[in-house]
């Protein structure tokens, strides 16, 4: 592993998705990403550290540890170097179609019908022989010249799922629940999540709708498109933060969900007829 001056690691970011087995390595001490996977996932930390923050608590996952992440669970992930080692990890994503396939093979795995589901939120997993064996067998694929076969990686996903079912019987009713999600109030969801980047498909999914149903339902409650509604909402919140809270432009635009200050300033002037500097200075 190449070393830079003062012991710093060479900047690096590598991510490979092998049929929902995702191998990643990168060094960026300040990096964070919003994770909103539609699928259940297990993440193994090979080196470095991962910190999962849901806004209420943080879960630290160190070298050799695994964490379970439920579907549709929004968290911020921080991947950090530790002891001179960059973060490297493996994500196993369990898609709905894969889980249906496995349910057809193993059924309820001998678990009674009245077994409760897992508690909401992420959960660190115990170190088991099954998990250790699984991730040891995936070690060769950190070599970017080694390309695995589809059927082999499909087998690894099956191993990962069976490891979960052995760890806690509550994973059975949790992972094998194929009921369609209940619709949730669109405006409640968007008012609580306006600062995040969503595609139309994601907005539909997270509010329990098909894309066509989401579009139809949104037209009933707003004359704006979802994209324009989000821009207006972000600007309204930014205006109040600067006017009432004394926030500076440089801090407020990212807080409300704009990616760059130029876009924020242009949109703000279009909506309010003045530059955000006029509000900042008032």
Protein backbone atom coordinates (compact mmCIF):
# COMPACT_ATOMS: atom_id res chain seq x y z
CA UNK A 1 0.00 0.00 0.00
CA UNK A 2 1.68 3.22 -1.14
CA UNK A 3 2.46 5.82 1.55
CA UNK A 4 2.48 9.61 1.05
CA UNK A 5 4.24 12.24 3.13
CA UNK A 6 3.66 12.24 6.90
CA UNK A 7 2.23 8.75 6.76
CA UNK A 8 -0.87 9.67 4.77
CA UNK A 9 -2.46 7.07 2.54
CA UNK A 10 -2.71 7.58 -1.18
CA UNK A 11 -6.23 8.80 -2.07
CA UNK A 12 -8.20 5.92 -3.50
CA UNK A 13 -11.78 4.95 -4.30
CA UNK A 14 -12.73 1.63 -5.83
CA UNK A 15 -16.24 0.19 -5.88
CA UNK A 16 -17.23 -3.00 -7.70
CA UNK A 17 -20.71 -4.50 -7.78
CA UNK A 18 -20.58 -8.24 -8.43
CA UNK A 19 -24.26 -9.21 -8.67
CA UNK A 20 -25.29 -7.42 -5.43
CA UNK A 21 -22.04 -8.30 -3.65
CA UNK A 22 -20.35 -4.89 -3.50
CA UNK A 23 -16.63 -4.66 -2.78
CA UNK A 24 -15.35 -1.17 -1.94
CA UNK A 25 -12.08 0.41 -0.84
CA UNK A 26 -11.39 4.08 -0.38
CA UNK A 27 -9.58 6.59 1.74
CA UNK A 28 -11.28 9.92 2.44
CA UNK A 29 -11.29 11.00 6.05
CA UNK A 30 -14.12 13.50 5.53
CA UNK A 31 -16.31 11.47 3.21
CA UNK A 32 -19.94 10.78 4.03
CA UNK A 33 -22.83 9.50 1.97
CA UNK A 34 -26.55 9.17 2.51
CA UNK A 35 -27.59 5.54 2.33
CA UNK A 36 -31.21 4.83 1.35
CA UNK A 37 -31.05 1.29 0.09
CA UNK A 38 -34.30 -0.25 -1.07
CA UNK A 39 -32.91 -3.62 -0.05
CA UNK A 40 -31.83 -5.34 3.13
CA UNK A 41 -28.07 -5.33 3.47
CA UNK A 42 -25.17 -6.68 5.50
CA UNK A 43 -21.90 -4.77 5.56
CA UNK A 44 -18.57 -6.31 6.57
CA UNK A 45 -15.63 -4.05 7.44
CA UNK A 46 -12.37 -5.58 6.28
CA UNK A 47 -10.25 -2.63 7.41
CA UNK A 48 -10.76 0.90 8.66
CA UNK A 49 -14.08 1.84 10.21
CA UNK A 50 -17.67 2.54 9.20
CA UNK A 51 -19.88 4.85 11.26
CA UNK A 52 -23.64 4.73 10.70
CA UNK A 53 -25.61 7.78 11.87
CA UNK A 54 -29.42 7.84 11.78
CA UNK A 55 -29.69 11.26 13.43
CA UNK A 56 -30.39 9.79 16.86
CA UNK A 57 -27.47 7.47 17.48
CA UNK A 58 -24.22 6.33 15.90
CA UNK A 59 -23.11 2.75 15.38
CA UNK A 60 -19.36 2.17 14.96
CA UNK A 61 -18.33 -0.92 12.98
CA UNK A 62 -14.66 -1.80 13.20
CA UNK A 63 -12.30 -4.16 11.45
CA UNK A 64 -13.70 -7.68 11.23
CA UNK A 65 -17.22 -6.63 12.28
CA UNK A 66 -20.56 -6.81 10.44
CA UNK A 67 -23.71 -4.74 10.60
CA UNK A 68 -27.25 -5.40 9.38
CA UNK A 69 -29.07 -2.52 7.64
CA UNK A 70 -32.84 -2.83 7.08
CA UNK A 71 -34.52 -1.89 3.82
CA UNK A 72 -35.76 1.68 3.28
CA UNK A 73 -33.68 2.86 6.24
CA UNK A 74 -32.07 6.25 5.69
CA UNK A 75 -28.71 6.71 7.38
CA UNK A 76 -25.49 8.63 6.83
CA UNK A 77 -22.43 6.43 6.34
CA UNK A 78 -18.92 7.56 7.19
CA UNK A 79 -16.06 5.36 5.99
CA UNK A 80 -12.78 6.18 7.72
CA UNK A 81 -9.18 4.96 7.88
CA UNK A 82 -7.94 3.54 11.16
CA UNK A 83 -4.34 2.84 12.18
CA UNK A 84 -2.99 3.68 8.74
CA UNK A 85 -5.43 1.33 6.99
CA UNK A 86 -7.99 2.73 4.56
CA UNK A 87 -11.60 1.62 4.71
CA UNK A 88 -12.37 -1.56 2.78
CA UNK A 89 -15.63 -3.40 3.04
CA UNK A 90 -18.16 -5.71 1.48
CA UNK A 91 -21.90 -5.07 1.12
CA UNK A 92 -24.32 -7.92 0.56
CA UNK A 93 -27.62 -6.63 -0.85
CA UNK A 94 -30.63 -8.94 -0.52
CA UNK A 95 -33.12 -7.94 -3.21
CA UNK A 96 -36.82 -8.74 -3.05
CA UNK A 97 -36.54 -11.19 -5.95
CA UNK A 98 -33.60 -12.97 -4.29
CA UNK A 99 -35.50 -13.27 -1.00
CA UNK A 100 -38.56 -14.66 -2.79
CA UNK A 101 -36.33 -17.25 -4.45
CA UNK A 102 -34.80 -18.23 -1.12
CA UNK A 103 -38.18 -18.37 0.62
CA UNK A 104 -39.32 -20.85 -2.01
CA UNK A 105 -36.31 -23.02 -1.05
CA UNK A 106 -36.19 -22.76 2.73
CA UNK A 107 -39.67 -21.55 3.73
CA UNK A 108 -39.85 -20.27 7.30
CA UNK A 109 -36.74 -22.24 8.24
CA UNK A 110 -38.60 -23.93 11.07
CA UNK A 111 -39.43 -20.62 12.77
CA UNK A 112 -42.92 -20.37 14.38
CA UNK A 113 -45.52 -18.10 12.78
CA UNK A 114 -45.79 -15.88 15.86
CA UNK A 115 -42.08 -14.99 15.92
CA UNK A 116 -41.65 -11.19 16.18
CA UNK A 117 -39.69 -9.18 13.62
CA UNK A 118 -36.36 -7.48 14.19
CA UNK A 119 -36.45 -4.11 15.90
CA UNK A 120 -36.23 -1.14 13.48
CA UNK A 121 -32.77 0.22 12.79
CA UNK A 122 -29.29 -1.09 12.14
CA UNK A 123 -27.82 -3.85 14.31
CA UNK A 124 -24.26 -5.06 14.79
CA UNK A 125 -23.98 -8.79 14.20
CA UNK A 126 -22.10 -11.22 16.43
CA UNK A 127 -18.91 -12.76 15.10
CA UNK A 128 -19.89 -16.25 13.93
CA UNK A 129 -18.05 -19.02 12.12
CA UNK A 130 -20.50 -18.74 9.21
CA UNK A 131 -19.85 -15.02 8.68
CA UNK A 132 -16.08 -15.43 9.13
CA UNK A 133 -16.02 -18.22 6.56
CA UNK A 134 -18.15 -16.26 4.10
CA UNK A 135 -16.05 -13.09 4.10
CA UNK A 136 -12.76 -14.99 4.12
CA UNK A 137 -13.89 -16.67 0.90
CA UNK A 138 -14.52 -13.23 -0.68
CA UNK A 139 -11.03 -11.94 0.18
CA UNK A 140 -9.56 -12.71 -3.29
CA UNK A 141 -12.00 -10.31 -4.96
CA UNK A 142 -10.31 -7.26 -3.46
CA UNK A 143 -7.81 -7.94 -6.26
CA UNK A 144 -9.32 -5.95 -9.13
CA UNK A 145 -7.86 -8.38 -11.68
CA UNK A 146 -9.97 -11.21 -10.30
CA UNK A 147 -13.52 -11.30 -11.69
CA UNK A 148 -16.00 -13.69 -10.06
CA UNK A 149 -18.67 -15.68 -11.85
CA UNK A 150 -22.36 -14.84 -11.43
CA UNK A 151 -23.33 -18.23 -10.01
CA UNK A 152 -20.51 -18.07 -7.47
CA UNK A 153 -21.61 -14.68 -6.14
CA UNK A 154 -25.21 -15.85 -6.04
CA UNK A 155 -24.02 -18.68 -3.81
CA UNK A 156 -22.28 -16.14 -1.53
CA UNK A 157 -25.54 -14.22 -1.13
CA UNK A 158 -27.24 -17.46 -0.11
CA UNK A 159 -24.50 -18.08 2.46
CA UNK A 160 -24.96 -14.57 3.84
CA UNK A 161 -28.71 -15.00 4.17
CA UNK A 162 -28.39 -18.37 5.91
CA UNK A 163 -25.84 -16.86 8.29
CA UNK A 164 -28.43 -14.25 9.31
CA UNK A 165 -31.14 -16.88 9.80
CA UNK A 166 -28.78 -18.79 12.13
CA UNK A 167 -27.95 -15.66 14.14
CA UNK A 168 -31.50 -14.62 15.03
CA UNK A 169 -34.82 -16.31 14.24
CA UNK A 170 -36.46 -12.85 13.98
CA UNK A 171 -34.73 -12.41 10.61
CA UNK A 172 -37.20 -14.92 9.11
CA UNK A 173 -40.40 -12.84 9.48
CA UNK A 174 -38.40 -9.66 8.76
CA UNK A 175 -36.68 -10.66 5.53
CA UNK A 176 -39.48 -12.86 4.23
CA UNK A 177 -42.23 -10.25 4.53
CA UNK A 178 -43.45 -9.63 0.98
CA UNK A 179 -46.50 -7.53 1.77
CA UNK A 180 -46.71 -4.32 -0.22
CA UNK A 181 -45.91 -1.27 1.93
CA UNK A 182 -48.78 0.92 3.15
CA UNK A 183 -49.15 4.28 1.49
CA UNK A 184 -47.85 7.09 3.64
CA UNK A 185 -48.77 10.76 3.40
CA UNK A 186 -46.78 12.30 0.55
CA UNK A 187 -46.57 15.79 2.06
CA UNK A 188 -45.50 14.47 5.44
CA UNK A 189 -42.71 12.52 3.79
CA UNK A 190 -41.54 15.39 1.58
CA UNK A 191 -41.69 17.97 4.37
CA UNK A 192 -39.49 15.70 6.48
CA UNK A 193 -37.08 14.79 3.69
CA UNK A 194 -36.94 17.83 1.35
CA UNK A 195 -33.17 18.23 1.86
CA UNK A 196 -32.31 14.87 0.27
CA UNK A 197 -31.93 14.05 -3.43
CA UNK A 198 -34.72 11.75 -4.63
CA UNK A 199 -35.63 10.54 -8.09
CA UNK A 200 -39.34 10.25 -8.88
CA UNK A 201 -39.01 6.50 -8.62
CA UNK A 202 -37.53 6.82 -5.11
CA UNK A 203 -40.27 9.20 -3.98
CA UNK A 204 -42.87 6.73 -5.20
CA UNK A 205 -41.14 3.81 -3.51
CA UNK A 206 -40.64 5.49 -0.15
CA UNK A 207 -44.28 6.61 0.00
CA UNK A 208 -45.53 3.11 -0.86
CA UNK A 209 -46.74 3.78 -4.39
CA UNK A 210 -46.09 2.82 -7.97
CA UNK A 211 -44.63 5.63 -10.07
CA UNK A 212 -47.95 6.17 -11.87
CA UNK A 213 -49.90 6.27 -8.59
CA UNK A 214 -47.42 8.71 -7.06
CA UNK A 215 -47.74 11.10 -10.01
CA UNK A 216 -51.52 10.91 -9.87
CA UNK A 217 -51.66 11.43 -6.10
CA UNK A 218 -49.19 14.31 -6.19
CA UNK A 219 -51.27 16.19 -8.76
CA UNK A 220 -54.17 16.09 -6.32
CA UNK A 221 -52.23 18.03 -3.68
CA UNK A 222 -49.99 20.41 -5.66
CA UNK A 223 -49.97 22.39 -8.88
CA UNK A 224 -46.18 22.00 -8.99
CA UNK A 225 -44.14 19.05 -10.15
CA UNK A 226 -42.38 17.18 -7.31
CA UNK A 227 -39.04 18.63 -8.41
CA UNK A 228 -40.31 22.22 -8.38
CA UNK A 229 -42.05 21.64 -5.06
CA UNK A 230 -38.77 20.50 -3.50
CA UNK A 231 -36.92 23.58 -4.85
CA UNK A 232 -39.57 25.92 -3.45
CA UNK A 233 -39.57 24.15 -0.08
CA UNK A 234 -35.78 24.36 0.20
CA UNK A 235 -35.81 28.06 -0.65
CA UNK A 236 -38.55 28.81 1.88
CA UNK A 237 -36.62 27.05 4.63
CA UNK A 238 -33.38 28.80 3.61
CA UNK A 239 -35.12 32.19 3.65
CA UNK A 240 -36.41 31.61 7.18
CA UNK A 241 -33.02 30.33 8.37
CA UNK A 242 -31.27 33.47 7.11
CA UNK A 243 -33.98 35.96 8.11
CA UNK A 244 -34.87 34.51 11.51
CA UNK A 245 -31.84 32.43 12.44
CA UNK A 246 -29.00 34.55 11.07
CA UNK A 247 -27.57 31.76 8.94
CA UNK A 248 -24.94 32.57 6.31
CA UNK A 249 -25.39 31.61 2.65
CA UNK A 250 -22.28 29.43 2.71
CA UNK A 251 -23.82 27.32 5.47
CA UNK A 252 -27.49 27.36 4.59
CA UNK A 253 -27.49 26.20 0.94
CA UNK A 254 -26.09 22.73 1.69
CA UNK A 255 -28.25 22.41 4.80
CA UNK A 256 -31.45 22.66 2.74
CA UNK A 257 -30.27 20.34 -0.04
CA UNK A 258 -28.62 22.44 -2.77
CA UNK A 259 -25.43 20.99 -4.19
CA UNK A 260 -23.77 24.30 -5.05
CA UNK A 261 -24.11 27.94 -4.06
CA UNK A 262 -24.53 29.21 -7.63
CA UNK A 263 -27.66 27.11 -8.21
CA UNK A 264 -29.02 28.19 -4.83
CA UNK A 265 -28.47 31.90 -5.55
CA UNK A 266 -30.05 31.69 -9.01
CA UNK A 267 -33.12 29.82 -7.74
CA UNK A 268 -33.45 32.17 -4.75
CA UNK A 269 -33.42 35.29 -6.92
CA UNK A 270 -35.96 33.73 -9.28
CA UNK A 271 -38.35 33.01 -6.41
CA UNK A 272 -37.89 36.13 -4.27
CA UNK A 273 -36.76 38.73 -6.79
CA UNK A 274 -33.57 39.47 -4.87
CA UNK A 275 -30.23 37.84 -4.19
CA UNK A 276 -29.85 35.84 -0.98
CA UNK A 277 -27.12 38.30 0.07
CA UNK A 278 -29.88 40.90 0.60
CA UNK A 279 -31.56 38.67 3.17
CA UNK A 280 -28.26 37.63 4.75
CA UNK A 281 -27.31 41.28 5.28
CA UNK A 282 -30.68 42.38 6.68
